[in-house]
């Protein structure tokens, strides 16, 4: 989409900004905001807030899975609605934002209050834009990315645009409307992906419990989540099909590739190339071993290894006992019925884990080996067009997100006229 430009522009003298409208001012952050440090009293009951790269400032209680609540907030920094909260360690990754809440936050954060009239959302959007975060990274101190910190004495020297308050309000209003439309389009495509994933799970569930022949004589498996199965199938405890492989290794002194929970894509059985947080102790695995994530099993992180490596101790490692096909068993362990059954047994509210003994003693339906191979082929044939459709929707989502970022950046830096 094309938008009008401002009547005239001037060189900002700042690389990441380029040209800005002629009537816009350029100010250092310290001329717009002041650093405040007001500490919470003892035994306070203030709302604990955190700032996240993807969602901005939110109450911690709404996001329990992202971290544990502090035992006390005595001495924490007071945050008021309209303040800008800066995570000094992750500001260069976008962990900075406007607070819509009164509360407290960690002393490791900086709290900024406006010194001059501003529309807070304008600077919320500006500071979180990829072009600005690249500049914040340049002003951060540290010897490596994960040790970079943005202190206010440096952040305060960053030069940013300052259009008049009425222009800021117009820009914010425009972006609120446009980004809402984009977010709605993204949500619709995500719903389509969810429906395709649900259909994919139905295909898998039916195949691993009912087989491929709808006319096959059936019998009661005696297992609630499985139901009726073909008469010639067996029902066995998992431990008689998959043997626990319990070889430990130190991840600190190993040349083998390490897999963390974050490296396994939920419900797909695939891996990604994200960097993982390496533990001191790890589980060893070999090709054709199956890794099953016992932490938050509802995430369905089940991987069939095609290389030798080490993994987080949050994975159970299984060796496939003959005569069985490892791919079939991976698919079975990814099925909704099995995952929901395991998830129902977890302990711990914030970090739920499945008990290994419970998993090992679960009953599963096992067809003959030749039928396992037929089921794998049938599932892969049915899933291929589903996978292609999901990838198409995901590409569209990625493009919409990219367009949203471009639109925000162009608006808050004056490249388009609002």
Protein backbone atom coordinates (compact mmCIF):
# COMPACT_ATOMS: atom_id res chain seq x y z
CA UNK A 1 0.00 0.00 0.00
CA UNK A 2 1.20 3.51 -0.78
CA UNK A 3 0.83 6.50 1.50
CA UNK A 4 1.38 10.22 1.06
CA UNK A 5 4.65 11.86 2.08
CA UNK A 6 5.18 15.01 4.14
CA UNK A 7 5.68 18.23 2.19
CA UNK A 8 9.39 18.50 2.93
CA UNK A 9 12.13 16.58 4.69
CA UNK A 10 15.47 17.23 6.31
CA UNK A 11 18.47 15.02 7.01
CA UNK A 12 18.34 13.83 10.62
CA UNK A 13 22.06 13.14 10.70
CA UNK A 14 21.18 9.81 12.32
CA UNK A 15 21.76 6.70 10.20
CA UNK A 16 18.83 4.64 11.44
CA UNK A 17 16.40 7.56 11.05
CA UNK A 18 17.50 8.99 7.71
CA UNK A 19 15.34 11.87 6.58
CA UNK A 20 12.50 13.13 8.78
CA UNK A 21 9.77 15.72 8.17
CA UNK A 22 11.15 19.24 8.22
CA UNK A 23 8.93 20.37 11.12
CA UNK A 24 9.83 17.42 13.37
CA UNK A 25 12.34 17.98 16.15
CA UNK A 26 15.24 15.74 17.04
CA UNK A 27 15.83 15.20 20.75
CA UNK A 28 17.94 12.93 22.88
CA UNK A 29 16.01 10.42 24.98
CA UNK A 30 17.24 12.17 28.14
CA UNK A 31 15.54 15.38 26.97
CA UNK A 32 12.21 13.57 26.70
CA UNK A 33 12.42 11.19 29.67
CA UNK A 34 13.95 11.19 33.13
CA UNK A 35 15.09 8.17 35.07
CA UNK A 36 13.13 7.64 38.30
CA UNK A 37 13.88 5.29 41.19
CA UNK A 38 11.03 5.18 43.68
CA UNK A 39 11.15 2.06 45.85
CA UNK A 40 8.15 0.09 47.09
CA UNK A 41 7.59 -0.07 50.87
CA UNK A 42 7.85 -3.23 52.94
CA UNK A 43 4.96 -5.68 52.91
CA UNK A 44 3.40 -4.04 49.88
CA UNK A 45 0.72 -5.77 47.80
CA UNK A 46 1.52 -4.01 44.54
CA UNK A 47 1.04 -5.71 41.19
CA UNK A 48 4.29 -7.33 40.00
CA UNK A 49 5.03 -6.29 36.40
CA UNK A 50 7.51 -7.53 33.81
CA UNK A 51 8.39 -6.42 30.30
CA UNK A 52 8.61 -8.97 27.49
CA UNK A 53 10.02 -8.71 23.99
CA UNK A 54 6.85 -9.98 22.33
CA UNK A 55 4.04 -8.45 24.41
CA UNK A 56 5.48 -5.49 26.31
CA UNK A 57 4.63 -4.71 29.96
CA UNK A 58 2.25 -7.19 31.59
CA UNK A 59 1.38 -8.34 35.13
CA UNK A 60 3.45 -11.38 36.02
CA UNK A 61 0.43 -13.24 37.45
CA UNK A 62 -1.12 -13.36 33.97
CA UNK A 63 1.96 -15.15 32.65
CA UNK A 64 2.90 -17.66 35.33
CA UNK A 65 4.46 -20.00 32.81
CA UNK A 66 7.06 -17.36 31.96
CA UNK A 67 8.58 -17.27 35.41
CA UNK A 68 8.00 -17.68 39.11
CA UNK A 69 6.60 -14.95 41.29
CA UNK A 70 9.09 -13.23 43.56
CA UNK A 71 8.76 -14.17 47.25
CA UNK A 72 8.72 -10.45 48.14
CA UNK A 73 8.53 -7.18 46.23
CA UNK A 74 9.97 -5.10 49.07
CA UNK A 75 12.40 -2.60 47.58
CA UNK A 76 11.16 -3.13 44.04
CA UNK A 77 10.76 -0.11 41.77
CA UNK A 78 7.34 1.55 41.64
CA UNK A 79 5.80 1.77 38.19
CA UNK A 80 2.94 4.14 37.35
CA UNK A 81 0.66 4.03 34.36
CA UNK A 82 2.32 5.94 31.53
CA UNK A 83 5.89 5.05 32.54
CA UNK A 84 8.30 3.43 30.09
CA UNK A 85 9.81 0.24 31.54
CA UNK A 86 13.22 -0.83 30.22
CA UNK A 87 14.72 -4.28 30.69
CA UNK A 88 18.36 -3.21 30.57
CA UNK A 89 19.55 -6.71 29.65
CA UNK A 90 17.11 -7.26 26.77
CA UNK A 91 16.20 -3.74 25.61
CA UNK A 92 18.11 -4.32 22.36
CA UNK A 93 15.74 -7.22 21.69
CA UNK A 94 12.62 -5.12 22.22
CA UNK A 95 12.06 -5.69 25.96
CA UNK A 96 10.97 -2.13 26.52
CA UNK A 97 7.49 -0.70 26.65
CA UNK A 98 4.78 1.58 27.99
CA UNK A 99 3.04 0.44 31.17
CA UNK A 100 -0.76 0.49 31.26
CA UNK A 101 -0.61 -0.57 34.91
CA UNK A 102 0.36 0.72 38.33
CA UNK A 103 2.63 -1.74 40.10
CA UNK A 104 6.23 -2.67 40.85
CA UNK A 105 9.01 -4.25 38.88
CA UNK A 106 12.49 -5.64 39.40
CA UNK A 107 15.28 -3.23 40.44
CA UNK A 108 17.14 -4.62 37.40
CA UNK A 109 14.80 -2.54 35.20
CA UNK A 110 14.83 1.20 34.52
CA UNK A 111 11.70 3.32 34.91
CA UNK A 112 11.38 6.39 32.70
CA UNK A 113 8.90 9.25 33.09
CA UNK A 114 8.21 11.87 30.41
CA UNK A 115 9.62 15.35 31.03
CA UNK A 116 7.67 16.95 28.19
CA UNK A 117 4.24 16.27 26.62
CA UNK A 118 4.23 12.98 24.71
CA UNK A 119 1.83 10.31 23.51
CA UNK A 120 3.30 7.31 25.31
CA UNK A 121 2.26 4.72 22.73
CA UNK A 122 4.23 6.65 20.08
CA UNK A 123 7.49 6.02 21.92
CA UNK A 124 6.42 2.51 22.88
CA UNK A 125 6.14 1.71 19.17
CA UNK A 126 9.29 3.61 18.26
CA UNK A 127 11.51 1.98 20.89
CA UNK A 128 10.28 -1.53 19.96
CA UNK A 129 10.72 -1.13 16.18
CA UNK A 130 13.53 -3.27 14.68
CA UNK A 131 15.37 -0.19 13.39
CA UNK A 132 15.41 1.41 16.84
CA UNK A 133 16.35 -1.78 18.69
CA UNK A 134 19.35 -2.07 16.36
CA UNK A 135 20.39 1.39 17.54
CA UNK A 136 19.80 0.39 21.17
CA UNK A 137 22.07 -2.59 20.66
CA UNK A 138 24.82 -0.24 19.47
CA UNK A 139 24.49 1.79 22.68
CA UNK A 140 24.43 -1.29 24.94
CA UNK A 141 27.52 -2.39 26.85
CA UNK A 142 28.84 -5.93 27.18
CA UNK A 143 31.24 -8.47 25.72
CA UNK A 144 28.61 -10.71 24.11
CA UNK A 145 24.97 -10.46 23.04
CA UNK A 146 23.48 -12.16 26.09
CA UNK A 147 25.48 -9.90 28.39
CA UNK A 148 24.61 -6.59 26.75
CA UNK A 149 23.07 -3.97 29.03
CA UNK A 150 21.53 -0.64 28.11
CA UNK A 151 22.17 1.83 30.91
CA UNK A 152 20.36 5.17 30.96
CA UNK A 153 23.56 7.17 30.65
CA UNK A 154 23.87 5.64 27.16
CA UNK A 155 20.18 5.25 26.34
CA UNK A 156 19.71 8.92 27.21
CA UNK A 157 22.08 9.90 24.41
CA UNK A 158 20.10 8.11 21.69
CA UNK A 159 18.62 10.65 19.27
CA UNK A 160 14.94 10.11 18.42
CA UNK A 161 12.28 12.09 16.53
CA UNK A 162 9.91 14.37 18.41
CA UNK A 163 6.92 15.42 16.29
CA UNK A 164 4.45 17.74 18.00
CA UNK A 165 1.97 16.08 20.33
CA UNK A 166 -0.95 16.35 17.89
CA UNK A 167 1.03 14.56 15.18
CA UNK A 168 2.02 11.86 17.70
CA UNK A 169 -1.67 11.33 18.52
CA UNK A 170 -2.62 11.10 14.84
CA UNK A 171 0.11 8.54 14.20
CA UNK A 172 -0.94 6.45 17.21
CA UNK A 173 -4.60 6.54 16.14
CA UNK A 174 -3.73 5.55 12.57
CA UNK A 175 -1.50 2.67 13.69
CA UNK A 176 -4.07 1.42 16.20
CA UNK A 177 -6.60 1.03 13.38
CA UNK A 178 -4.20 -0.45 10.84
CA UNK A 179 -2.42 -2.85 13.19
CA UNK A 180 -5.76 -4.08 14.51
CA UNK A 181 -6.77 -4.94 10.94
CA UNK A 182 -3.46 -6.72 10.38
CA UNK A 183 -3.74 -8.60 13.68
CA UNK A 184 -7.26 -9.72 12.77
CA UNK A 185 -6.01 -11.04 9.43
CA UNK A 186 -3.20 -12.87 11.22
CA UNK A 187 -5.65 -14.34 13.72
CA UNK A 188 -7.87 -15.69 10.93
CA UNK A 189 -4.91 -17.42 9.30
CA UNK A 190 -3.80 -18.82 12.65
CA UNK A 191 -7.29 -20.22 13.12
CA UNK A 192 -6.98 -21.97 9.77
CA UNK A 193 -3.66 -23.44 10.86
CA UNK A 194 -5.25 -24.65 14.11
CA UNK A 195 -8.08 -26.32 12.18
CA UNK A 196 -5.58 -28.04 9.89
CA UNK A 197 -3.57 -29.20 12.91
CA UNK A 198 -6.74 -30.57 14.49
CA UNK A 199 -7.60 -32.47 11.31
CA UNK A 200 -4.02 -33.78 11.16
CA UNK A 201 -4.36 -35.05 14.72
CA UNK A 202 -7.64 -36.79 13.86
CA UNK A 203 -5.90 -38.56 10.95
CA UNK A 204 -3.08 -39.68 13.25
CA UNK A 205 -5.35 -40.71 16.13
CA UNK A 206 -7.58 -42.85 13.91
CA UNK A 207 -4.64 -44.47 12.13
CA UNK A 208 -2.73 -45.49 15.27
CA UNK A 209 -5.82 -46.83 17.07
CA UNK A 210 -8.16 -48.07 14.30
CA UNK A 211 -5.81 -48.91 11.44
CA UNK A 212 -6.49 -48.37 7.75
CA UNK A 213 -9.15 -51.00 7.05
CA UNK A 214 -12.60 -49.72 8.09
CA UNK A 215 -14.02 -53.24 7.65
CA UNK A 216 -11.54 -55.01 9.92
CA UNK A 217 -13.09 -57.01 12.81
CA UNK A 218 -12.66 -55.04 16.04
CA UNK A 219 -12.19 -55.80 19.72
CA UNK A 220 -12.25 -53.78 22.92
CA UNK A 221 -8.70 -52.70 23.82
CA UNK A 222 -9.62 -52.25 27.48
CA UNK A 223 -7.94 -48.82 27.38
CA UNK A 224 -10.18 -45.74 27.56
CA UNK A 225 -8.16 -43.44 25.30
CA UNK A 226 -7.71 -46.16 22.66
CA UNK A 227 -11.19 -47.72 22.47
CA UNK A 228 -11.81 -50.51 19.95
CA UNK A 229 -8.88 -51.79 17.87
CA UNK A 230 -8.51 -54.37 15.08
CA UNK A 231 -8.73 -57.93 16.45
CA UNK A 232 -5.23 -58.88 15.30
CA UNK A 233 -3.53 -55.97 17.07
CA UNK A 234 -1.80 -56.36 20.44
CA UNK A 235 -2.11 -54.17 23.52
CA UNK A 236 1.16 -53.80 25.43
CA UNK A 237 2.65 -51.64 28.10
CA UNK A 238 4.96 -49.04 26.62
CA UNK A 239 7.96 -50.43 28.51
CA UNK A 240 7.70 -53.68 26.53
CA UNK A 241 7.90 -51.77 23.26
CA UNK A 242 10.24 -48.92 24.21
CA UNK A 243 13.12 -49.46 26.61
CA UNK A 244 14.33 -46.55 28.74
CA UNK A 245 17.86 -45.56 27.77
CA UNK A 246 19.49 -43.94 30.78
CA UNK A 247 23.01 -42.98 29.84
CA UNK A 248 24.07 -39.62 31.28
CA UNK A 249 26.65 -37.23 29.90
CA UNK A 250 28.08 -33.88 30.91
CA UNK A 251 26.96 -31.28 28.41
CA UNK A 252 29.85 -29.03 29.48
CA UNK A 253 32.51 -31.48 28.30
CA UNK A 254 30.82 -33.03 25.28
CA UNK A 255 31.43 -32.50 21.59
CA UNK A 256 28.01 -33.96 20.79
CA UNK A 257 25.16 -31.75 19.61
CA UNK A 258 22.84 -30.67 22.42
CA UNK A 259 19.04 -30.49 22.17
CA UNK A 260 16.99 -28.49 24.66
CA UNK A 261 13.22 -28.53 25.02
CA UNK A 262 13.10 -25.35 22.93
CA UNK A 263 14.70 -27.19 19.99
CA UNK A 264 11.73 -29.53 19.48
CA UNK A 265 8.72 -28.11 17.64
CA UNK A 266 5.47 -28.97 19.43
CA UNK A 267 3.24 -31.63 17.83
CA UNK A 268 5.37 -31.99 14.69
CA UNK A 269 8.26 -34.19 15.81
CA UNK A 270 10.67 -31.83 14.05
CA UNK A 271 13.60 -29.82 15.36
CA UNK A 272 14.67 -26.22 14.81
CA UNK A 273 18.07 -24.56 14.94
CA UNK A 274 17.43 -22.21 17.86
CA UNK A 275 20.22 -21.92 20.41
CA UNK A 276 19.43 -23.96 23.52
CA UNK A 277 20.24 -23.29 27.16
CA UNK A 278 22.80 -25.96 27.97
CA UNK A 279 22.48 -27.90 31.22
CA UNK A 280 25.33 -29.31 33.28
CA UNK A 281 23.98 -32.85 33.07
CA UNK A 282 22.37 -34.28 29.96
CA UNK A 283 20.87 -37.48 28.58
CA UNK A 284 22.72 -39.29 25.83
CA UNK A 285 20.86 -40.55 22.75
CA UNK A 286 21.65 -42.41 19.52
CA UNK A 287 20.07 -42.54 16.05
CA UNK A 288 16.62 -44.16 16.08
CA UNK A 289 16.09 -43.31 19.75
CA UNK A 290 12.88 -41.48 20.66
CA UNK A 291 12.99 -38.39 22.91
CA UNK A 292 9.81 -37.65 24.85
CA UNK A 293 9.41 -34.34 26.70
CA UNK A 294 8.15 -35.03 30.22
CA UNK A 295 8.02 -31.31 31.10
CA UNK A 296 4.63 -29.89 30.09
CA UNK A 297 3.78 -33.00 28.09
CA UNK A 298 0.77 -31.21 26.57
CA UNK A 299 3.31 -29.48 24.31
CA UNK A 300 3.87 -32.87 22.61
CA UNK A 301 7.63 -32.62 22.11
CA UNK A 302 8.54 -36.02 20.69
CA UNK A 303 11.61 -36.41 18.46
CA UNK A 304 12.94 -39.40 16.53
CA UNK A 305 16.71 -38.94 16.51
CA UNK A 306 18.68 -39.26 13.28
CA UNK A 307 22.03 -38.45 14.88
CA UNK A 308 23.94 -39.17 18.10
CA UNK A 309 23.77 -36.39 20.64
CA UNK A 310 22.84 -35.26 24.13
CA UNK A 311 19.64 -33.62 25.36
CA UNK A 312 17.99 -31.95 28.32
CA UNK A 313 17.17 -34.18 31.26
CA UNK A 314 13.58 -33.04 30.74
CA UNK A 315 13.49 -35.61 27.93
CA UNK A 316 12.97 -39.33 28.46
CA UNK A 317 15.09 -41.28 25.98
CA UNK A 318 13.69 -44.53 24.60
CA UNK A 319 15.32 -47.34 22.65
CA UNK A 320 12.97 -49.11 20.22
CA UNK A 321 12.61 -52.83 20.87
CA UNK A 322 12.22 -55.17 17.90
CA UNK A 323 10.07 -55.91 15.98
CA UNK A 324 8.74 -52.35 15.83
CA UNK A 325 9.13 -49.32 13.63
CA UNK A 326 10.53 -46.25 15.39
CA UNK A 327 8.66 -43.81 13.14
CA UNK A 328 5.33 -45.46 13.90
CA UNK A 329 6.00 -45.28 17.63
CA UNK A 330 6.99 -41.62 17.41
CA UNK A 331 3.71 -40.88 15.63
CA UNK A 332 1.80 -42.86 18.27
CA UNK A 333 3.46 -40.89 21.07
CA UNK A 334 2.52 -37.65 19.29
CA UNK A 335 -1.16 -38.64 19.02
CA UNK A 336 -3.67 -36.54 20.94
CA UNK A 337 -5.03 -39.50 22.87
CA UNK A 338 -1.64 -40.54 24.22
CA UNK A 339 -0.54 -36.97 25.01
CA UNK A 340 -3.79 -36.12 26.81
CA UNK A 341 -3.56 -39.33 28.82
CA UNK A 342 -0.01 -38.53 29.93
CA UNK A 343 -0.85 -34.89 30.63
CA UNK A 344 -3.65 -35.93 32.99
CA UNK A 345 -1.07 -37.47 35.33
CA UNK A 346 1.33 -34.56 35.73
CA UNK A 347 2.45 -33.10 39.05
CA UNK A 348 3.40 -29.48 39.78
CA UNK A 349 1.24 -26.49 38.84
CA UNK A 350 3.74 -24.07 37.30
CA UNK A 351 6.15 -26.59 35.80
CA UNK A 352 4.03 -29.76 35.35
CA UNK A 353 5.98 -32.95 34.68
CA UNK A 354 4.92 -36.46 33.82
CA UNK A 355 6.10 -39.36 35.96
CA UNK A 356 8.42 -41.69 33.98
CA UNK A 357 6.99 -44.80 35.69
CA UNK A 358 3.47 -43.72 34.72
CA UNK A 359 4.57 -43.30 31.10
CA UNK A 360 6.36 -46.64 30.99
CA UNK A 361 3.29 -48.45 32.28
CA UNK A 362 0.81 -46.98 29.82
CA UNK A 363 -0.89 -49.38 27.41
CA UNK A 364 -0.55 -48.77 23.68
CA UNK A 365 -2.01 -50.57 20.66
CA UNK A 366 0.58 -52.31 18.45
CA UNK A 367 -0.18 -53.56 14.92
CA UNK A 368 2.10 -56.02 13.09
CA UNK A 369 5.28 -54.52 11.64
CA UNK A 370 4.11 -54.55 8.02
CA UNK A 371 0.93 -52.72 9.04
CA UNK A 372 2.98 -50.15 10.98
CA UNK A 373 4.79 -49.33 7.73
CA UNK A 374 1.50 -49.06 5.83
CA UNK A 375 0.12 -46.67 8.48
CA UNK A 376 3.25 -44.48 8.28
CA UNK A 377 2.92 -44.20 4.49
CA UNK A 378 -0.80 -43.45 4.70
CA UNK A 379 -0.31 -40.74 7.33
CA UNK A 380 2.52 -39.13 5.38
CA UNK A 381 0.45 -39.11 2.16
CA UNK A 382 -2.54 -37.50 3.91
CA UNK A 383 -0.40 -35.08 5.87
CA UNK A 384 1.62 -33.79 2.92
CA UNK A 385 -1.11 -31.48 1.51
CA UNK A 386 -2.02 -30.45 5.07
CA UNK A 387 1.59 -29.54 5.76
CA UNK A 388 1.79 -27.55 2.52
CA UNK A 389 -1.37 -25.63 3.41
CA UNK A 390 -0.01 -24.86 6.89
CA UNK A 391 3.27 -23.62 5.40
CA UNK A 392 1.33 -21.40 2.98
CA UNK A 393 -0.68 -19.82 5.81
CA UNK A 394 2.47 -19.41 7.91
CA UNK A 395 4.22 -17.63 5.04
CA UNK A 396 1.25 -15.26 4.78
CA UNK A 397 1.40 -14.63 8.53
CA UNK A 398 5.12 -13.88 8.35
CA UNK A 399 4.54 -11.40 5.53
CA UNK A 400 1.75 -9.67 7.44
CA UNK A 401 3.98 -9.35 10.50
CA UNK A 402 6.76 -7.95 8.33
CA UNK A 403 4.35 -5.46 6.76
CA UNK A 404 3.14 -4.44 10.22
CA UNK A 405 6.71 -3.73 11.36
CA UNK A 406 7.45 -1.73 8.20
CA UNK A 407 4.24 0.29 8.55
CA UNK A 408 4.97 1.13 12.19
CA UNK A 409 8.54 2.14 11.43
CA UNK A 410 7.56 4.32 8.48
CA UNK A 411 4.86 6.05 10.51
CA UNK A 412 6.92 6.79 13.65
CA UNK A 413 9.93 7.99 11.66
CA UNK A 414 7.89 10.22 9.32
CA UNK A 415 8.41 8.30 6.07
CA UNK A 416 4.65 8.37 5.46
CA UNK A 417 2.27 11.20 6.27
CA UNK A 418 -0.54 10.52 8.71
